[in-house]
C-alpha cells in the first residue's frame, strides 16, 4: 500500500504516478474521500462510546427517580453506538479496498508508457555471429539435456525434463548464484512454495495478474511464481533490527506460473514454461537505503551474467509495465542468437515501503520508534538462463562450450552431441 502521508501531502504526485502507469488517477480522489470518511466514522463512534460510558456512570449515582430516564437514554445510546460501529466497519472496509487499489508510486525518472517504452541503460558484449545457429531446444535434445516430449507425456504442454548435463548445468548455475549471494551477505533460504492468501496478496500478486497463479482451492493456498513471495512473508508482522544495515536473503525454489493469456507465445522450448527453478535475492532495508540497494542488486546480476559470458543489455522498465508493487524495475536481457533479439533473464525491483506496509514489516529508527521498512527483489539465476548459455556458446560441430565459471560444477568444459 502507498504511504497515506504522501497522498495527503502530495496527491498530485500520486495522480501523476497513476497516469504514467496508464491507471486511473481518479482512484487517488476515491482513496482521499474514503480516508476522510473513515476518520469521520471513527471519530463519531469514539464520541458516542465516550458519551455511553459517561451515561453509564450517571446511572450508578442516580436516585431511584432518575434511573428510568437514564436507563432509557443509555439504551438509546447503545443503539447509536451499535449503528456507528457498523458505519465505522463499512467505512474502514471501503478505505482498505480503495487503498489496495492504488499501485506503488513510481520513482522520479521512471519512463512513462507501456511494454515497448523501456529505456536502454547499458549494452554489454557483442552478439556473436553464428552461421546456421541452432536454437536451445535443438541443441538441448541433441546433447541429451532437455526432454520436452516426455515432459508433455507426464505433465502436459510447457513441462520438461532436464537430464544428465542439463540438470548439472542448472545446478551448477544455481550453486554459482548461491556462492555469489552468500559472499555478499545474503542468507540462503529454501522456502515453502505454497503460501497463504494474505502473503500472496501482501506482495501484490493477486491484482491484475492473479490469473497467472496456481490456486489450491481445497487448502486455500497458492503456488508461488517466485520465492520473493515467501521471503516477503518470512518477516511479516515483525520489527526488524536494521542497525547493521539491510537484511538480505537468497531463496532457492521451484516456481509455478499458469502462463494464462500467453497462448501461442514461446511454445517451443523452455523460455515460457509452467514450472522452473530460480534463485531470488530479497532485501529488507530502511527506505532511505532502498535506491542504493537497488543498484547493488543490479550489480550482482551483472556479475552473474558476466560469469556465464553472454551479451546482454540493461533496461529501465516503463511505468505501465511495472507490477503494482514496484516503484522502479531494471531488467537484464540476454542476446538470443536464433531470435536475433534480447530476452529477459533477470529483473530487480525496488518496492519501497509498498509490500512491507501490507505485511507489517517494520524497523526501529534512531529514536526507537517503529517505521515501515522497504523491500527489494532481484533474480540471480533461473532455468531460462540455459537458453542463453546454450545458444551463445554453441560451436560449429554441434557441441556447446561450458562457461569457465560453471566448469567445476558441471564437470566438463564442452557438452558434446550423443553419438
Protein backbone atom coordinates (compact mmCIF):
# COMPACT_ATOMS: atom_id res chain seq x y z
CA UNK A 1 0.00 0.00 0.00
CA UNK A 2 1.15 3.54 -0.62
CA UNK A 3 2.06 5.87 2.24
CA UNK A 4 -1.02 7.88 3.20
CA UNK A 5 1.23 10.76 4.20
CA UNK A 6 2.26 11.09 0.54
CA UNK A 7 -1.39 11.01 -0.52
CA UNK A 8 -2.42 13.69 1.96
CA UNK A 9 0.55 16.00 1.38
CA UNK A 10 1.24 15.42 -2.35
CA UNK A 11 -1.85 13.96 -4.06
CA UNK A 12 -0.66 15.28 -7.43
CA UNK A 13 2.45 13.06 -7.19
CA UNK A 14 0.25 10.01 -6.77
CA UNK A 15 -2.04 11.11 -9.63
CA UNK A 16 0.99 11.60 -11.89
CA UNK A 17 2.23 8.11 -10.98
CA UNK A 18 -1.16 6.63 -11.85
CA UNK A 19 -1.19 8.40 -15.21
CA UNK A 20 2.36 7.27 -16.02
CA UNK A 21 1.29 3.70 -15.32
CA UNK A 22 -1.77 4.06 -17.53
CA UNK A 23 -4.00 3.61 -14.50
CA UNK A 24 -6.93 5.65 -13.22
CA UNK A 25 -5.86 8.85 -11.39
CA UNK A 26 -9.41 9.09 -10.07
CA UNK A 27 -8.53 6.32 -7.63
CA UNK A 28 -6.46 8.90 -5.74
CA UNK A 29 -9.53 11.03 -5.03
CA UNK A 30 -11.52 7.92 -4.17
CA UNK A 31 -8.90 6.97 -1.56
CA UNK A 32 -8.75 10.50 -0.18
CA UNK A 33 -12.55 10.54 0.19
CA UNK A 34 -12.52 7.07 1.77
CA UNK A 35 -9.79 8.17 4.20
CA UNK A 36 -11.83 11.25 5.20
CA UNK A 37 -14.98 9.16 5.63
CA UNK A 38 -13.12 6.56 7.69
CA UNK A 39 -11.66 9.14 10.06
CA UNK A 40 -15.06 10.80 10.44
CA UNK A 41 -16.68 7.44 11.20
CA UNK A 42 -14.01 6.58 13.78
CA UNK A 43 -14.44 9.98 15.45
CA UNK A 44 -18.23 9.63 15.53
CA UNK A 45 -18.06 6.15 17.03
CA UNK A 46 -15.45 7.23 19.60
CA UNK A 47 -17.58 10.21 20.68
CA UNK A 48 -20.67 8.04 21.09
CA UNK A 49 -18.75 5.44 23.10
CA UNK A 50 -17.44 8.17 25.37
CA UNK A 51 -20.99 9.52 25.80
CA UNK A 52 -22.23 6.00 26.56
CA UNK A 53 -19.51 5.50 29.18
CA UNK A 54 -20.38 8.80 30.87
CA UNK A 55 -24.09 7.89 30.86
CA UNK A 56 -23.33 4.53 32.49
CA UNK A 57 -21.50 6.30 35.32
CA UNK A 58 -24.52 8.54 35.92
CA UNK A 59 -26.82 5.53 36.31
CA UNK A 60 -24.71 4.21 39.18
CA UNK A 61 -25.00 7.52 41.04
CA UNK A 62 -28.63 8.26 40.17
CA UNK A 63 -31.58 8.31 42.58
CA UNK A 64 -34.45 5.85 42.04
CA UNK A 65 -36.49 8.63 40.46
CA UNK A 66 -33.76 9.49 37.93
CA UNK A 67 -32.82 5.94 36.95
CA UNK A 68 -35.67 5.16 34.47
CA UNK A 69 -34.87 8.16 32.27
CA UNK A 70 -31.14 7.48 32.43
CA UNK A 71 -31.64 3.81 31.55
CA UNK A 72 -33.78 4.78 28.57
CA UNK A 73 -31.08 7.20 27.43
CA UNK A 74 -28.40 4.51 27.87
CA UNK A 75 -30.43 2.09 25.75
CA UNK A 76 -30.78 4.71 23.02
CA UNK A 77 -27.04 5.44 23.16
CA UNK A 78 -26.26 1.73 22.92
CA UNK A 79 -28.27 1.54 19.68
CA UNK A 80 -26.48 4.61 18.34
CA UNK A 81 -23.07 3.11 19.24
CA UNK A 82 -24.01 -0.14 17.50
CA UNK A 83 -25.03 1.75 14.36
CA UNK A 84 -21.92 3.96 14.49
CA UNK A 85 -19.64 0.91 14.82
CA UNK A 86 -21.32 -0.68 11.81
CA UNK A 87 -20.74 2.54 9.85
CA UNK A 88 -17.12 2.57 11.04
CA UNK A 89 -16.60 -1.03 9.90
CA UNK A 90 -18.11 -0.25 6.49
CA UNK A 91 -16.00 2.89 6.16
CA UNK A 92 -12.83 1.01 7.10
CA UNK A 93 -13.62 -1.75 4.58
CA UNK A 94 -14.20 0.83 1.83
CA UNK A 95 -10.99 2.60 2.80
CA UNK A 96 -8.98 -0.66 2.74
CA UNK A 97 -10.34 -1.53 -0.72
CA UNK A 98 -9.54 1.96 -2.03
CA UNK A 99 -6.05 1.81 -0.52
CA UNK A 100 -5.30 -1.60 -2.04
CA UNK A 101 -6.48 -0.42 -5.48
CA UNK A 102 -3.63 2.07 -5.96
CA UNK A 103 -0.28 0.85 -7.26
CA UNK A 104 3.03 1.92 -5.76
CA UNK A 105 4.16 5.47 -6.51
CA UNK A 106 6.87 5.36 -9.15
CA UNK A 107 10.29 6.86 -8.54
CA UNK A 108 11.29 10.04 -10.38
CA UNK A 109 12.90 9.18 -13.70
CA UNK A 110 10.94 6.02 -14.45
CA UNK A 111 9.91 6.15 -18.13
CA UNK A 112 6.20 6.65 -18.79
CA UNK A 113 4.38 4.32 -21.14
CA UNK A 114 3.95 0.60 -21.70
CA UNK A 115 5.86 -2.56 -22.55
CA UNK A 116 7.74 -1.06 -25.52
CA UNK A 117 8.66 2.22 -23.83
CA UNK A 118 11.64 0.98 -21.79
CA UNK A 119 14.94 2.86 -21.87
CA UNK A 120 18.20 1.02 -22.62
CA UNK A 121 20.71 1.96 -19.90
CA UNK A 122 23.65 -0.17 -21.00
CA UNK A 123 24.66 -2.81 -23.55
CA UNK A 124 27.42 -5.26 -22.67
CA UNK A 125 29.21 -7.53 -25.16
CA UNK A 126 28.78 -8.08 -28.89
CA UNK A 127 26.20 -10.56 -30.18
CA UNK A 128 28.09 -13.49 -31.71
CA UNK A 129 27.86 -14.22 -35.42
CA UNK A 130 26.78 -17.87 -35.63
CA UNK A 131 26.10 -19.26 -39.12
CA UNK A 132 23.21 -21.72 -39.16
CA UNK A 133 22.61 -21.25 -35.45
CA UNK A 134 20.56 -23.94 -33.71
CA UNK A 135 18.02 -22.96 -31.07
CA UNK A 136 18.32 -24.08 -27.46
CA UNK A 137 15.82 -26.92 -27.84
CA UNK A 138 17.53 -28.45 -30.87
CA UNK A 139 20.85 -28.20 -29.03
CA UNK A 140 19.37 -29.46 -25.77
CA UNK A 141 17.82 -32.52 -27.41
CA UNK A 142 20.94 -33.38 -29.40
CA UNK A 143 23.09 -33.07 -26.29
CA UNK A 144 20.68 -35.03 -24.08
CA UNK A 145 19.97 -32.04 -21.83
CA UNK A 146 16.26 -31.33 -22.33
CA UNK A 147 13.33 -33.69 -22.91
CA UNK A 148 10.14 -31.80 -23.78
CA UNK A 149 8.36 -34.81 -25.26
CA UNK A 150 8.45 -36.80 -22.05
CA UNK A 151 7.68 -33.67 -20.04
CA UNK A 152 4.46 -33.30 -22.04
CA UNK A 153 3.73 -37.02 -21.65
CA UNK A 154 3.99 -36.79 -17.87
CA UNK A 155 2.57 -33.33 -17.15
CA UNK A 156 1.24 -31.70 -20.33
CA UNK A 157 2.42 -28.85 -22.51
CA UNK A 158 5.11 -26.46 -21.26
CA UNK A 159 6.65 -29.02 -18.94
CA UNK A 160 10.04 -30.67 -19.47
CA UNK A 161 12.76 -32.84 -18.00
CA UNK A 162 16.32 -31.60 -17.55
CA UNK A 163 18.53 -34.66 -17.87
CA UNK A 164 22.21 -35.51 -17.46
CA UNK A 165 24.40 -32.50 -18.10
CA UNK A 166 21.27 -30.37 -18.48
CA UNK A 167 20.46 -30.94 -14.82
CA UNK A 168 24.12 -30.44 -13.86
CA UNK A 169 24.27 -27.21 -15.84
CA UNK A 170 21.27 -25.80 -13.97
CA UNK A 171 22.52 -26.96 -10.59
CA UNK A 172 25.94 -25.51 -11.34
CA UNK A 173 24.41 -22.20 -12.35
CA UNK A 174 22.40 -22.09 -9.13
CA UNK A 175 25.39 -23.02 -6.98
CA UNK A 176 27.30 -20.15 -8.57
CA UNK A 177 24.36 -17.84 -7.77
CA UNK A 178 24.29 -19.06 -4.18
CA UNK A 179 28.03 -18.51 -3.81
CA UNK A 180 27.69 -15.00 -5.27
CA UNK A 181 24.84 -14.26 -2.86
CA UNK A 182 26.42 -15.63 0.30
CA UNK A 183 29.74 -13.90 -0.42
CA UNK A 184 27.78 -10.63 -0.50
CA UNK A 185 25.96 -11.03 2.80
CA UNK A 186 22.84 -12.93 1.76
CA UNK A 187 21.43 -15.69 3.95
CA UNK A 188 20.47 -18.73 1.86
CA UNK A 189 16.85 -19.89 2.31
CA UNK A 190 14.94 -22.83 0.85
CA UNK A 191 11.37 -21.54 1.37
CA UNK A 192 7.95 -23.19 1.15
CA UNK A 193 6.38 -22.81 -2.29
CA UNK A 194 2.78 -22.85 -1.04
CA UNK A 195 1.66 -19.67 0.71
CA UNK A 196 -1.45 -18.31 2.35
CA UNK A 197 -3.67 -15.75 0.57
CA UNK A 198 -2.64 -12.90 2.87
CA UNK A 199 1.01 -13.40 1.93
CA UNK A 200 0.31 -13.58 -1.80
CA UNK A 201 -1.97 -10.54 -1.50
CA UNK A 202 0.57 -8.67 0.62
CA UNK A 203 3.22 -8.91 -2.06
CA UNK A 204 0.83 -7.54 -4.69
CA UNK A 205 0.45 -10.68 -6.81
CA UNK A 206 -3.33 -11.03 -6.50
CA UNK A 207 -4.06 -7.99 -8.61
CA UNK A 208 -4.08 -7.74 -12.40
CA UNK A 209 -2.07 -10.96 -12.85
CA UNK A 210 -3.92 -13.19 -10.42
CA UNK A 211 -4.88 -15.48 -13.31
CA UNK A 212 -1.17 -16.38 -13.66
CA UNK A 213 -1.12 -18.05 -10.24
CA UNK A 214 -1.98 -21.65 -9.38
CA UNK A 215 -4.50 -21.84 -6.52
CA UNK A 216 -5.29 -24.96 -4.48
CA UNK A 217 -8.90 -24.26 -3.61
CA UNK A 218 -9.37 -27.07 -1.10
CA UNK A 219 -6.46 -25.81 1.01
CA UNK A 220 -6.75 -22.11 0.05
CA UNK A 221 -3.02 -21.98 -0.70
CA UNK A 222 -1.17 -20.52 -3.68
CA UNK A 223 1.84 -21.92 -5.53
CA UNK A 224 4.46 -19.19 -5.79
CA UNK A 225 5.79 -17.85 -9.07
CA UNK A 226 8.91 -16.56 -7.32
CA UNK A 227 10.46 -17.01 -3.87
CA UNK A 228 10.03 -13.24 -3.48
CA UNK A 229 6.59 -14.13 -2.11
CA UNK A 230 7.57 -16.42 0.80
CA UNK A 231 10.63 -14.27 1.54
CA UNK A 232 8.41 -11.18 1.83
CA UNK A 233 6.17 -13.11 4.21
CA UNK A 234 9.16 -14.53 6.11
CA UNK A 235 9.43 -11.46 8.35
CA UNK A 236 5.81 -10.27 8.18
CA UNK A 237 4.35 -8.79 11.36
CA UNK A 238 7.86 -8.33 12.78
CA UNK A 239 10.06 -5.43 13.83
CA UNK A 240 13.48 -5.91 12.23
CA UNK A 241 16.89 -4.93 13.53
CA UNK A 242 18.40 -2.92 10.67
CA UNK A 243 21.02 -1.21 12.82
CA UNK A 244 23.80 -3.08 10.99
CA UNK A 245 22.35 -2.43 7.52
CA UNK A 246 20.00 -4.28 5.16
CA UNK A 247 18.88 -7.87 5.74
CA UNK A 248 19.50 -9.91 2.59
CA UNK A 249 18.07 -13.34 1.79
CA UNK A 250 18.52 -15.57 -1.25
CA UNK A 251 15.69 -18.01 -1.90
CA UNK A 252 16.23 -21.20 -3.96
CA UNK A 253 12.90 -22.66 -5.03
CA UNK A 254 10.79 -24.16 -7.74
CA UNK A 255 8.34 -21.64 -9.21
CA UNK A 256 4.99 -22.10 -10.92
CA UNK A 257 3.11 -19.93 -13.42
CA UNK A 258 -0.03 -20.73 -15.33
CA UNK A 259 1.05 -18.50 -18.24
CA UNK A 260 -2.60 -17.58 -18.77
CA UNK A 261 -3.05 -15.27 -21.71
CA UNK A 262 0.21 -16.35 -23.35
CA UNK A 263 -1.35 -18.84 -25.76
CA UNK A 264 0.91 -19.25 -28.77
CA UNK A 265 3.83 -17.31 -27.22
CA UNK A 266 7.20 -19.05 -26.83
CA UNK A 267 5.66 -22.50 -27.04
CA UNK A 268 8.95 -24.04 -28.19
CA UNK A 269 11.49 -24.99 -25.58
CA UNK A 270 11.91 -23.69 -22.03
CA UNK A 271 11.54 -19.94 -22.42
CA UNK A 272 7.95 -19.80 -21.15
CA UNK A 273 7.01 -22.81 -19.04
CA UNK A 274 4.71 -23.68 -16.13
CA UNK A 275 7.44 -24.82 -13.74
CA UNK A 276 11.03 -23.64 -13.40
CA UNK A 277 13.65 -23.10 -10.71
CA UNK A 278 15.10 -19.82 -9.53
CA UNK A 279 17.48 -18.24 -7.07
CA UNK A 280 15.96 -14.93 -6.00
CA UNK A 281 17.57 -12.22 -3.90
CA UNK A 282 15.33 -10.39 -1.43
CA UNK A 283 16.24 -7.41 0.75
CA UNK A 284 14.72 -5.60 3.72
CA UNK A 285 16.21 -2.17 4.38
CA UNK A 286 15.49 1.36 5.55
CA UNK A 287 13.58 3.37 2.91
CA UNK A 288 16.44 5.84 2.52
CA UNK A 289 18.78 2.96 1.60
CA UNK A 290 16.48 1.35 -0.99
CA UNK A 291 17.72 3.08 -4.15
CA UNK A 292 21.36 2.30 -3.36
CA UNK A 293 20.44 -1.30 -2.57
CA UNK A 294 18.61 -1.50 -5.91
CA UNK A 295 21.83 -0.59 -7.70
CA UNK A 296 23.70 -3.23 -5.68
CA UNK A 297 21.20 -5.90 -6.72
CA UNK A 298 21.66 -4.89 -10.35
CA UNK A 299 25.43 -5.10 -9.85
CA UNK A 300 25.21 -8.68 -8.55
CA UNK A 301 23.04 -9.60 -11.52
CA UNK A 302 25.65 -8.15 -13.86
CA UNK A 303 28.29 -10.20 -12.04
CA UNK A 304 26.31 -13.38 -12.69
CA UNK A 305 25.74 -12.54 -16.36
CA UNK A 306 29.45 -11.84 -16.81
CA UNK A 307 30.16 -15.28 -15.34
CA UNK A 308 28.04 -17.04 -17.97
CA UNK A 309 29.69 -14.94 -20.70
CA UNK A 310 26.65 -13.81 -22.67
CA UNK A 311 25.93 -10.44 -24.33
CA UNK A 312 23.19 -8.54 -22.52
CA UNK A 313 21.57 -5.16 -22.09
CA UNK A 314 20.10 -3.39 -19.06
CA UNK A 315 16.74 -1.67 -19.46
CA UNK A 316 14.72 0.68 -17.25
CA UNK A 317 11.16 -0.66 -17.39
CA UNK A 318 8.40 1.83 -18.22
CA UNK A 319 5.77 2.62 -15.60
CA UNK A 320 2.95 0.89 -17.43
CA UNK A 321 4.90 -2.37 -17.49
CA UNK A 322 5.70 -2.40 -13.77
CA UNK A 323 3.93 -4.70 -11.38
CA UNK A 324 1.73 -2.94 -8.84
CA UNK A 325 4.36 -3.29 -6.09
CA UNK A 326 7.38 -1.96 -7.97
CA UNK A 327 8.35 1.71 -7.89
CA UNK A 328 11.19 1.01 -10.33
CA UNK A 329 12.41 -2.10 -12.12
CA UNK A 330 15.51 -2.91 -14.13
CA UNK A 331 15.67 -5.93 -16.43
CA UNK A 332 18.78 -7.57 -17.82
CA UNK A 333 18.09 -9.14 -21.21
CA UNK A 334 20.49 -11.60 -22.85
CA UNK A 335 21.02 -11.94 -26.58
CA UNK A 336 19.31 -15.00 -28.10
CA UNK A 337 21.00 -15.71 -31.46
CA UNK A 338 18.19 -17.67 -33.12
CA UNK A 339 15.66 -14.97 -32.26
CA UNK A 340 18.05 -12.12 -33.11
CA UNK A 341 16.82 -10.19 -30.11
CA UNK A 342 17.33 -9.73 -26.38
CA UNK A 343 15.17 -11.70 -23.93
CA UNK A 344 14.71 -11.13 -20.21
CA UNK A 345 16.92 -13.13 -17.86
CA UNK A 346 16.73 -11.01 -14.71
CA UNK A 347 14.51 -8.44 -13.07
CA UNK A 348 15.21 -6.37 -9.98
CA UNK A 349 12.51 -4.23 -8.39
CA UNK A 350 12.53 -1.55 -5.73
CA UNK A 351 9.18 -1.93 -3.98
CA UNK A 352 9.92 0.89 -1.47
CA UNK A 353 7.53 0.50 1.51
CA UNK A 354 4.59 -0.87 -0.52
CA UNK A 355 4.87 -4.57 0.37
CA UNK A 356 6.17 -4.00 3.89
CA UNK A 357 3.21 -1.78 4.72
CA UNK A 358 0.79 -4.51 3.62
CA UNK A 359 2.72 -7.19 5.52
CA UNK A 360 3.50 -5.06 8.59
CA UNK A 361 7.29 -5.30 8.35
CA UNK A 362 8.89 -2.57 10.43
CA UNK A 363 12.17 -1.48 11.99
CA UNK A 364 13.07 0.95 14.78
CA UNK A 365 14.50 4.35 13.87
CA UNK A 366 17.18 6.21 15.84
CA UNK A 367 14.56 7.22 18.41
CA UNK A 368 13.27 3.68 18.86
CA UNK A 369 10.04 4.40 17.00
CA UNK A 370 8.71 1.68 14.64
CA UNK A 371 8.81 2.68 10.96
CA UNK A 372 7.82 0.80 7.79
CA UNK A 373 10.74 -0.95 6.09
CA UNK A 374 11.45 -1.10 2.35
CA UNK A 375 11.72 -4.31 0.30
CA UNK A 376 13.55 -5.16 -2.92
CA UNK A 377 13.96 -8.28 -5.02
CA UNK A 378 16.22 -9.45 -7.83
CA UNK A 379 16.81 -12.60 -9.89
CA UNK A 380 20.22 -14.26 -9.53
CA UNK A 381 19.59 -17.28 -11.79
CA UNK A 382 16.68 -19.13 -13.40
CA UNK A 383 16.11 -22.11 -15.67
CA UNK A 384 15.66 -19.70 -18.60
CA UNK A 385 19.36 -18.82 -18.41
CA UNK A 386 20.09 -22.20 -20.04
CA UNK A 387 18.60 -20.78 -23.25
CA UNK A 388 21.22 -18.01 -23.42
CA UNK A 389 24.08 -20.29 -22.38
CA UNK A 390 23.33 -22.97 -24.98
CA UNK A 391 22.66 -20.64 -27.90
CA UNK A 392 25.52 -18.20 -27.33
CA UNK A 393 28.15 -20.88 -26.68
CA UNK A 394 27.24 -23.32 -29.44
CA UNK A 395 30.05 -24.44 -31.76
CA UNK A 396 30.01 -25.49 -35.45
CA UNK A 397 30.22 -29.21 -34.62
CA UNK A 398 27.01 -29.05 -32.54
CA UNK A 399 28.80 -29.00 -29.20
CA UNK A 400 28.37 -26.26 -26.58
CA UNK A 401 31.19 -24.70 -24.62
CA UNK A 402 30.54 -24.53 -20.87
CA UNK A 403 31.36 -21.09 -19.43
CA UNK A 404 34.55 -21.31 -17.39
CA UNK A 405 32.81 -20.32 -14.14
CA UNK A 406 30.46 -23.32 -14.44
CA UNK A 407 33.02 -25.99 -15.42
CA UNK A 408 33.81 -27.01 -11.79
CA UNK A 409 30.10 -27.65 -11.17
CA UNK A 410 29.28 -29.33 -14.48
CA UNK A 411 32.40 -31.49 -14.65
CA UNK A 412 33.29 -30.80 -18.28
CA UNK A 413 34.22 -27.81 -20.41
CA UNK A 414 32.33 -28.94 -23.52
CA UNK A 415 28.92 -30.58 -23.94
CA UNK A 416 29.01 -32.87 -26.98
CA UNK A 417 26.20 -34.45 -29.02
CA UNK A 418 25.27 -38.00 -28.16
CA UNK A 419 26.76 -40.50 -30.58
